[in-house]
Amino acid sequence: MSAPPRRYELQSLKADFFKALGHPVRVRILEILRHGGRSVQELQQALQLDQAIVSQHLARLRAKDVVEARKDGMTMRYTVRDAAVGELLDVARRIFSRHLEGTQHMLRELQREQRAPRRR
C-alpha cells in the first residue's frame, strides 16, 4: 500500500492525535492532569483502575506527545504537554452541552405531542 498523498499528512497527524484521545480513560486522565502533574499511583487511585491499565493509557498518550513524564525522586510524574489540551476538553464539553440541549428540546417536543389530544 502506498503512502497517502502529502496533502493528507496534516490530517493524518490530527487523526492520530484524536485517536490518542479516543478512550474514556485517556480523556479522564487528561481531565485530571490538566490540574497538575500526577504519578501513576495517584492516577490509579483517582481512576480506581489497576496500575497496568493506567500505565498502558499513559504510554499511548506519551507516544503521541500529549503527555510527558519527568522523574521526581523515585516517582515518575505525568503532565499535559500543552495546556491547550485543557482548552480542547472545554470546547468539547461546550459542543456536547449544546448537543444535549438540542436533544432535550426534541424530547420536550415529543412529550408535548404525546400529551396533546389525538384527533380522528
Protein backbone atom coordinates (compact mmCIF):
# COMPACT_ATOMS: atom_id res chain seq x y z
CA MET A 1 0.00 0.00 0.00
CA SER A 2 1.42 3.38 -0.94
CA ALA A 3 1.77 6.32 1.42
CA PRO A 4 -1.09 8.81 1.47
CA PRO A 5 -0.66 11.90 -0.66
CA ARG A 6 1.34 14.65 1.05
CA ARG A 7 -1.71 16.89 1.36
CA TYR A 8 -3.20 14.48 3.89
CA GLU A 9 -0.19 14.41 6.23
CA LEU A 10 -1.56 17.14 8.49
CA GLN A 11 -4.97 15.45 8.60
CA SER A 12 -3.25 12.16 9.47
CA LEU A 13 -1.42 13.84 12.35
CA LYS A 14 -4.69 15.31 13.57
CA ALA A 15 -6.47 11.96 13.28
CA ASP A 16 -3.68 10.23 15.23
CA PHE A 17 -3.93 12.89 17.93
CA PHE A 18 -7.68 12.37 18.26
CA LYS A 19 -7.21 8.59 18.25
CA ALA A 20 -4.92 9.04 21.25
CA LEU A 21 -7.82 10.81 22.96
CA GLY A 22 -10.28 8.17 21.75
CA HIS A 23 -10.77 6.29 25.00
CA PRO A 24 -12.77 7.37 28.07
CA VAL A 25 -9.90 6.52 30.43
CA ARG A 26 -7.44 8.66 28.46
CA VAL A 27 -9.88 11.56 28.42
CA ARG A 28 -10.34 11.23 32.19
CA ILE A 29 -6.55 11.11 32.66
CA LEU A 30 -6.23 14.36 30.75
CA GLU A 31 -9.02 15.94 32.77
CA ILE A 32 -7.08 15.08 35.92
CA LEU A 33 -3.65 16.08 34.57
CA ARG A 34 -4.81 19.45 33.35
CA HIS A 35 -4.90 20.48 37.01
CA GLY A 36 -1.30 19.44 37.64
CA GLY A 37 1.15 16.59 37.44
CA ARG A 38 0.31 13.22 38.94
CA SER A 39 2.08 9.94 39.47
CA VAL A 40 0.75 6.65 38.13
CA GLN A 41 -0.27 5.74 41.69
CA GLU A 42 -2.22 8.99 42.12
CA LEU A 43 -3.96 8.46 38.79
CA GLN A 44 -4.63 4.85 39.70
CA GLN A 45 -6.35 5.95 42.91
CA ALA A 46 -8.35 8.70 41.21
CA LEU A 47 -9.49 6.38 38.42
CA GLN A 48 -9.84 3.28 40.59
CA LEU A 49 -8.05 1.19 37.97
CA ASP A 50 -5.15 -1.25 38.04
CA GLN A 51 -1.67 0.20 37.63
CA ALA A 52 -1.12 -1.75 34.39
CA ILE A 53 -4.21 -0.22 32.75
CA VAL A 54 -3.27 3.32 33.78
CA SER A 55 0.29 2.77 32.54
CA GLN A 56 -0.96 1.49 29.17
CA HIS A 57 -3.11 4.57 28.65
CA LEU A 58 -0.30 6.89 29.72
CA ALA A 59 2.04 5.14 27.27
CA ARG A 60 -0.42 5.77 24.45
CA LEU A 61 -0.70 9.45 25.40
CA ARG A 62 3.10 9.74 25.67
CA ALA A 63 3.59 8.11 22.28
CA LYS A 64 1.52 10.87 20.70
CA ASP A 65 3.23 13.60 22.77
CA VAL A 66 0.02 14.50 24.56
CA VAL A 67 1.58 13.97 28.00
CA GLU A 68 5.14 13.93 29.22
CA ALA A 69 6.82 12.26 32.17
CA ARG A 70 9.58 13.51 34.41
CA LYS A 71 11.38 11.87 37.27
CA ASP A 72 10.61 13.38 40.68
CA GLY A 73 12.85 11.49 43.09
CA MET A 74 11.80 7.86 42.76
CA THR A 75 8.47 8.73 41.15
CA MET A 76 7.53 9.49 37.55
CA ARG A 77 5.15 12.43 37.34
CA TYR A 78 2.97 12.92 34.28
CA THR A 79 1.80 16.28 32.97
CA VAL A 80 -0.13 17.50 29.96
CA ARG A 81 2.43 18.62 27.41
CA ASP A 82 0.38 21.57 26.15
CA ALA A 83 -2.18 23.49 28.20
CA ALA A 84 -4.27 23.84 25.02
CA VAL A 85 -5.38 20.23 25.61
CA GLY A 86 -7.43 21.57 28.53
CA GLU A 87 -8.94 24.17 26.22
CA LEU A 88 -9.79 21.40 23.75
CA LEU A 89 -11.57 19.49 26.51
CA ASP A 90 -13.51 22.66 27.39
CA VAL A 91 -14.55 23.15 23.75
CA ALA A 92 -15.67 19.51 23.54
CA ARG A 93 -17.71 19.97 26.73
CA ARG A 94 -19.44 23.02 25.20
CA ILE A 95 -20.19 21.11 21.98
CA PHE A 96 -21.67 18.17 23.92
CA SER A 97 -23.66 20.54 26.11
CA ARG A 98 -25.22 22.19 23.07
CA HIS A 99 -25.96 18.80 21.57
CA LEU A 100 -27.65 17.67 24.77
CA GLU A 101 -29.66 20.89 24.91
CA GLY A 102 -30.91 20.18 21.39
CA THR A 103 -31.75 16.60 22.35
CA GLN A 104 -33.61 17.80 25.45
CA HIS A 105 -35.58 20.25 23.29
CA MET A 106 -36.61 17.43 20.95
CA LEU A 107 -37.59 15.26 23.93
CA ARG A 108 -39.82 18.05 25.31
CA GLU A 109 -41.45 18.40 21.88
CA LEU A 110 -42.15 14.66 21.76
CA GLN A 111 -43.62 14.76 25.27
CA ARG A 112 -45.91 17.65 24.26
CA GLU A 113 -47.06 15.70 21.23
CA GLN A 114 -47.87 12.68 23.41
CA ARG A 115 -49.92 14.81 25.79
CA ALA A 116 -51.87 16.55 23.05
CA PRO A 117 -55.31 15.03 22.41
CA ARG A 118 -55.38 12.92 19.29
CA ARG A 119 -57.71 13.98 16.52
CA ARG A 120 -59.53 11.47 14.40
